[in-house]
Protein backbone atom coordinates (compact mmCIF):
# COMPACT_ATOMS: atom_id res chain seq x y z
CA UNK A 1 167.94 88.24 -151.01
CA UNK A 2 168.52 88.15 -147.38
CA UNK A 3 171.90 88.46 -145.63
CA UNK A 4 173.17 88.02 -141.85
CA UNK A 5 170.08 86.03 -141.13
CA UNK A 6 172.36 82.59 -140.71
CA UNK A 7 175.66 83.82 -139.19
CA UNK A 8 176.97 81.36 -136.88
CA UNK A 9 174.90 78.63 -138.48
CA UNK A 10 177.42 75.62 -139.45
CA UNK A 11 175.40 73.22 -141.02
CA UNK A 12 178.15 72.01 -143.43
CA UNK A 13 178.30 68.38 -145.10
CA UNK A 14 180.50 67.08 -141.79
CA UNK A 15 177.75 68.51 -139.49
CA UNK A 16 175.04 66.94 -141.53
CA UNK A 17 177.02 63.63 -141.62
CA UNK A 18 177.33 63.61 -137.95
CA UNK A 19 173.62 64.15 -137.05
CA UNK A 20 171.96 62.07 -140.08
CA UNK A 21 174.70 59.79 -141.17
CA UNK A 22 172.47 56.38 -140.17
CA UNK A 23 169.35 57.81 -141.35
CA UNK A 24 167.87 56.83 -144.67
CA UNK A 25 166.70 59.51 -147.46
CA UNK A 26 165.30 58.97 -151.04
CA UNK A 27 167.91 60.04 -153.34
CA UNK A 28 166.89 60.94 -156.79
CA UNK A 29 168.80 59.42 -159.87
CA UNK A 30 168.70 61.95 -162.65
CA UNK A 31 171.54 60.74 -165.04
CA UNK A 32 174.08 62.77 -166.56
CA UNK A 33 172.39 62.77 -170.22
CA UNK A 34 168.94 64.06 -169.14
CA UNK A 35 169.71 67.58 -169.69
CA UNK A 36 170.79 66.92 -173.07
CA UNK A 37 167.23 65.45 -173.98
CA UNK A 38 164.32 67.31 -175.29
CA UNK A 39 162.20 68.03 -172.35
CA UNK A 40 158.92 67.00 -174.30
CA UNK A 41 160.04 63.24 -174.10
CA UNK A 42 160.61 63.32 -170.53
CA UNK A 43 158.49 60.68 -168.68
CA UNK A 44 159.13 62.37 -165.05
CA UNK A 45 160.33 65.70 -163.54
CA UNK A 46 161.55 66.89 -160.20
CA UNK A 47 160.19 64.67 -157.33
CA UNK A 48 158.80 62.57 -159.81
CA UNK A 49 162.11 61.03 -160.75
CA UNK A 50 162.88 57.41 -159.61
CA UNK A 51 164.70 57.52 -156.45
CA UNK A 52 166.99 55.05 -154.17
CA UNK A 53 166.83 54.92 -150.73
CA UNK A 54 170.38 55.37 -149.22
CA UNK A 55 172.00 56.12 -145.75
CA UNK A 56 173.04 59.75 -145.63
CA UNK A 57 176.71 58.29 -144.92
CA UNK A 58 176.70 56.32 -148.17
CA UNK A 59 175.45 59.14 -149.90
CA UNK A 60 178.16 61.37 -148.68
CA UNK A 61 180.64 58.51 -149.81
CA UNK A 62 179.21 59.08 -153.28
CA UNK A 63 179.73 62.79 -153.23
CA UNK A 64 183.37 62.54 -151.95
CA UNK A 65 184.28 59.93 -154.76
CA UNK A 66 182.55 61.90 -157.61
CA UNK A 67 179.81 59.06 -158.16
CA UNK A 68 177.15 61.20 -157.16
CA UNK A 69 178.25 63.80 -159.62
CA UNK A 70 178.77 60.90 -162.32
CA UNK A 71 175.33 59.63 -161.89
CA UNK A 72 173.82 63.13 -161.01
CA UNK A 73 172.34 61.72 -157.81
CA UNK A 74 170.52 64.15 -155.75
CA UNK A 75 169.31 64.28 -152.25
CA UNK A 76 166.40 66.72 -152.84
CA UNK A 77 163.21 68.27 -150.59
CA UNK A 78 164.16 65.39 -147.89
CA UNK A 79 162.03 66.15 -144.67
CA UNK A 80 163.97 66.57 -141.72
CA UNK A 81 160.81 65.77 -139.63
CA UNK A 82 161.63 63.13 -136.81
CA UNK A 83 165.53 63.63 -137.23
CA UNK A 84 167.90 65.21 -134.63
CA UNK A 85 167.92 68.54 -136.85
CA UNK A 86 164.13 68.97 -136.81
CA UNK A 87 164.00 71.63 -134.08
CA UNK A 88 166.48 73.89 -135.89
CA UNK A 89 166.20 76.74 -133.52
CA UNK A 90 168.75 79.00 -135.53
CA UNK A 91 166.86 78.26 -138.72
CA UNK A 92 163.23 78.96 -137.21
CA UNK A 93 164.78 81.95 -135.70
CA UNK A 94 165.65 83.28 -138.97
CA UNK A 95 162.19 82.44 -140.31
CA UNK A 96 160.57 84.36 -137.52
CA UNK A 97 162.80 87.64 -138.54
CA UNK A 98 161.47 87.37 -142.08
CA UNK A 99 158.02 87.63 -140.60
CA UNK A 100 156.50 84.20 -141.92
CA UNK A 101 154.02 82.41 -140.48
CA UNK A 102 151.71 79.02 -140.97
CA UNK A 103 154.47 76.77 -142.69
CA UNK A 104 153.08 74.10 -144.76
CA UNK A 105 155.91 71.77 -144.40
CA UNK A 106 158.68 70.59 -142.48
CA UNK A 107 162.33 72.06 -143.06
CA UNK A 108 163.49 70.01 -146.02
CA UNK A 109 167.28 69.29 -146.90
CA UNK A 110 168.77 69.63 -150.37
CA UNK A 111 172.26 68.15 -151.03
CA UNK A 112 174.01 67.50 -154.13
CA UNK A 113 177.49 67.91 -156.18
CA UNK A 114 178.18 70.95 -158.25
CA UNK A 115 176.56 71.22 -161.44
CA UNK A 116 173.38 69.81 -160.82
CA UNK A 117 170.22 71.61 -162.22
CA UNK A 118 166.81 71.62 -160.85
CA UNK A 119 165.04 72.85 -164.14
CA UNK A 120 162.79 75.58 -164.44
CA UNK A 121 159.62 75.24 -162.31
CA UNK A 122 157.55 76.97 -159.91
CA UNK A 123 155.97 76.07 -156.59
CA UNK A 124 152.09 76.72 -155.49
CA UNK A 125 153.39 77.65 -152.10
CA UNK A 126 155.54 80.82 -150.87
CA UNK A 127 159.29 79.31 -150.06
CA UNK A 128 162.33 80.10 -148.43
CA UNK A 129 165.73 78.81 -149.61
CA UNK A 130 168.58 79.12 -147.17
CA UNK A 131 172.15 78.40 -148.27
CA UNK A 132 174.35 76.24 -146.01
CA UNK A 133 177.37 75.04 -148.04
CA UNK A 134 178.51 76.23 -151.73
CA UNK A 135 176.62 78.30 -153.88
CA UNK A 136 173.77 78.05 -156.43
CA UNK A 137 172.64 80.18 -159.45
CA UNK A 138 169.02 80.99 -159.42
CA UNK A 139 167.31 82.28 -162.73
CA UNK A 140 163.95 83.61 -162.02
CA UNK A 141 160.96 84.77 -164.01
CA UNK A 142 157.45 86.32 -162.29
CA UNK A 143 154.09 84.56 -162.54
CA UNK A 144 152.95 86.59 -165.20
CA UNK A 145 155.27 84.73 -167.76
CA UNK A 146 153.46 81.52 -167.19
CA UNK A 147 152.19 80.56 -170.74
CA UNK A 148 155.50 82.13 -172.22
CA UNK A 149 157.60 79.64 -170.23
CA UNK A 150 155.59 76.63 -171.80
CA UNK A 151 154.57 74.62 -168.83
CA UNK A 152 153.81 70.92 -169.16
CA UNK A 153 150.24 70.41 -169.99
CA UNK A 154 147.84 69.77 -167.10
CA UNK A 155 146.96 66.35 -169.06
CA UNK A 156 150.22 64.56 -167.94
CA UNK A 157 148.49 64.50 -164.62
CA UNK A 158 145.91 62.18 -166.09
CA UNK A 159 148.52 59.97 -167.93
CA UNK A 160 151.60 60.23 -165.34
CA UNK A 161 150.24 61.19 -162.22
CA UNK A 162 152.54 63.27 -160.07
CA UNK A 163 155.60 61.92 -162.02
CA UNK A 164 155.13 64.37 -164.73
CA UNK A 165 154.21 67.93 -163.18
CA UNK A 166 152.77 70.66 -165.11
CA UNK A 167 154.78 73.13 -163.01
CA UNK A 168 157.97 72.49 -164.97
CA UNK A 169 158.72 74.37 -168.22
CA UNK A 170 159.58 72.69 -171.31
CA UNK A 171 162.37 75.41 -172.26
CA UNK A 172 166.06 75.34 -171.21
CA UNK A 173 166.53 78.89 -170.22
CA UNK A 174 170.28 78.77 -171.21
CA UNK A 175 169.68 77.13 -174.59
CA UNK A 176 166.47 77.68 -175.90
CA UNK A 177 164.58 76.54 -178.94
CA UNK A 178 163.07 79.51 -180.07
CA UNK A 179 161.37 77.85 -183.26
CA UNK A 180 159.67 75.47 -180.86
CA UNK A 181 158.96 77.88 -177.88
CA UNK A 182 158.83 81.45 -179.62
CA UNK A 183 156.96 83.46 -176.93
CA UNK A 184 160.06 82.34 -174.60
CA UNK A 185 161.76 85.71 -176.25
CA UNK A 186 158.93 87.80 -174.31
CA UNK A 187 159.54 85.89 -171.06
CA UNK A 188 163.33 86.95 -171.58
CA UNK A 189 162.61 90.28 -171.09
CA UNK A 190 161.25 89.94 -167.79
CA UNK A 191 164.20 87.15 -166.22
CA UNK A 192 166.65 88.02 -163.26
CA UNK A 193 169.52 86.04 -162.14
CA UNK A 194 171.14 86.13 -159.01
CA UNK A 195 173.91 83.73 -156.84
CA UNK A 196 172.88 82.52 -153.64
CA UNK A 197 175.86 82.38 -151.37
CA UNK A 198 176.67 80.45 -148.32
CA UNK A 199 174.50 82.30 -145.14
CA UNK A 200 172.01 83.93 -147.50
CA UNK A 201 168.32 83.45 -148.00
CA UNK A 202 165.84 83.66 -150.67
CA UNK A 203 162.29 84.15 -150.39
CA UNK A 204 160.28 82.81 -153.30
CA UNK A 205 156.66 83.76 -153.55
CA UNK A 206 154.33 81.03 -154.96
CA UNK A 207 154.03 81.24 -158.74
CA UNK A 208 157.63 82.38 -159.20
CA UNK A 209 159.69 80.28 -161.60
CA UNK A 210 163.12 79.46 -160.77
CA UNK A 211 165.90 77.12 -162.20
CA UNK A 212 168.61 76.48 -159.70
CA UNK A 213 172.25 75.22 -160.16
CA UNK A 214 174.37 74.11 -157.73
CA UNK A 215 178.05 75.92 -158.63
CA UNK A 216 181.55 74.69 -158.06
CA UNK A 217 183.09 71.22 -157.68
CA UNK A 218 182.21 70.35 -154.17
CA UNK A 219 179.03 69.22 -152.25
CA UNK A 220 176.06 72.14 -152.07
CA UNK A 221 173.73 72.19 -149.46
CA UNK A 222 170.56 73.88 -148.68
CA UNK A 223 167.48 74.03 -146.72
CA UNK A 224 164.04 75.08 -147.54
CA UNK A 225 160.69 75.43 -146.15
CA UNK A 226 157.28 75.94 -147.91
CA UNK A 227 154.47 78.34 -146.57
CA UNK A 228 150.86 78.69 -146.96
CA UNK A 229 150.17 81.41 -149.06
CA UNK A 230 149.08 84.69 -147.16
CA UNK A 231 146.78 86.79 -147.13
CA UNK A 232 144.33 84.44 -148.34
CA UNK A 233 143.10 86.56 -151.00
CA UNK A 234 146.67 86.20 -152.80
CA UNK A 235 146.22 82.62 -152.52
CA UNK A 236 142.66 82.66 -154.03
CA UNK A 237 143.37 85.06 -156.98
CA UNK A 238 146.88 83.04 -157.77
CA UNK A 239 145.87 80.78 -160.97
CA UNK A 240 149.40 79.03 -160.89
CA UNK A 241 148.48 77.82 -157.43
CA UNK A 242 145.09 76.44 -158.57
CA UNK A 243 146.40 75.11 -161.73
CA UNK A 244 148.50 72.92 -159.50
CA UNK A 245 145.70 71.87 -156.95
CA UNK A 246 143.75 70.78 -160.46
CA UNK A 247 146.49 68.50 -161.51
CA UNK A 248 146.26 66.79 -158.20
CA UNK A 249 142.70 65.98 -158.39
CA UNK A 250 143.47 64.95 -162.27
CA UNK A 251 146.05 62.49 -160.51
CA UNK A 252 143.84 61.22 -158.08
CA UNK A 253 143.95 57.56 -159.59
CA UNK A 254 147.37 57.38 -159.86
CA UNK A 255 147.67 58.63 -156.03
CA UNK A 256 145.28 56.06 -154.94
CA UNK A 257 147.18 53.24 -156.54
CA UNK A 258 150.32 54.35 -155.01
CA UNK A 259 148.96 54.38 -151.68
CA UNK A 260 147.81 50.91 -152.25
CA UNK A 261 151.33 49.67 -153.22
CA UNK A 262 152.65 51.47 -150.28
CA UNK A 263 150.47 49.84 -147.89
CA UNK A 264 151.69 46.38 -149.28
CA UNK A 265 154.94 47.31 -149.02
CA UNK A 266 157.44 45.59 -146.78
CA UNK A 267 158.76 48.98 -145.85
CA UNK A 268 155.83 51.08 -145.38
CA UNK A 269 157.56 54.07 -143.74
CA UNK A 270 159.90 54.65 -146.92
CA UNK A 271 157.03 53.79 -149.28
CA UNK A 272 154.73 56.54 -147.75
CA UNK A 273 157.77 58.78 -147.57
CA UNK A 274 158.39 58.52 -151.28
CA UNK A 275 154.92 59.60 -151.82
CA UNK A 276 154.90 62.57 -149.66
CA UNK A 277 158.23 63.73 -151.39
CA UNK A 278 156.59 63.31 -154.57
CA UNK A 279 153.93 65.59 -153.64
């Protein structure tokens, strides 16, 4: 956890609305009953969840009216590339102070209602998460707990493509089923928790498991960026990372079909944007 990097940055919901209001973003439609289900019955996870293309101004209306909370509609991992906020000099300055280089993605925006949870998962790249408005609780496990956290099988990529990704855990950290997932008891010995407050930044190395819950009653806003794993030796010896790459290879037939559908779409830009977001 790093403090002081974002002092003076005022990227709250009103600021975002002013600069992004007329732009369209994919909004994930989770549904309120999702987290009452056994994860093993899920047909999609994370960025594989169905989306609806909405103007940012319309999504802000949903947040303020409570509709986003009711539907658990979440604007997640939306690239700011090509938007008025793409340059983001203050955020870039903060990243430079962290000594980060070789970004793998543009800056991504995350906006949603308090109460939304991004379920336990890991990323194959290093990541920075910077809190703009509201607070988030983060539950963390080290990469060594990969199989004690019961990730979805790689074979899901063959059946579901990128919709049901093997970076997600089948366990609910707050209400685990120890009968179904007995090794989770071992993982709990390595569990850490923190609350990310406005203006704070969190560095998440590749392979570190994290579950992120937006706190409070209002809108919660963050930005993140993913980074190539350095030094290269750390990348080459990271099995969690290679496991993801293997899954992408297994999903190739689905990805090819998705690309053909995007080419035939009447709105190719949005169709390809959804594919890239899912990656």
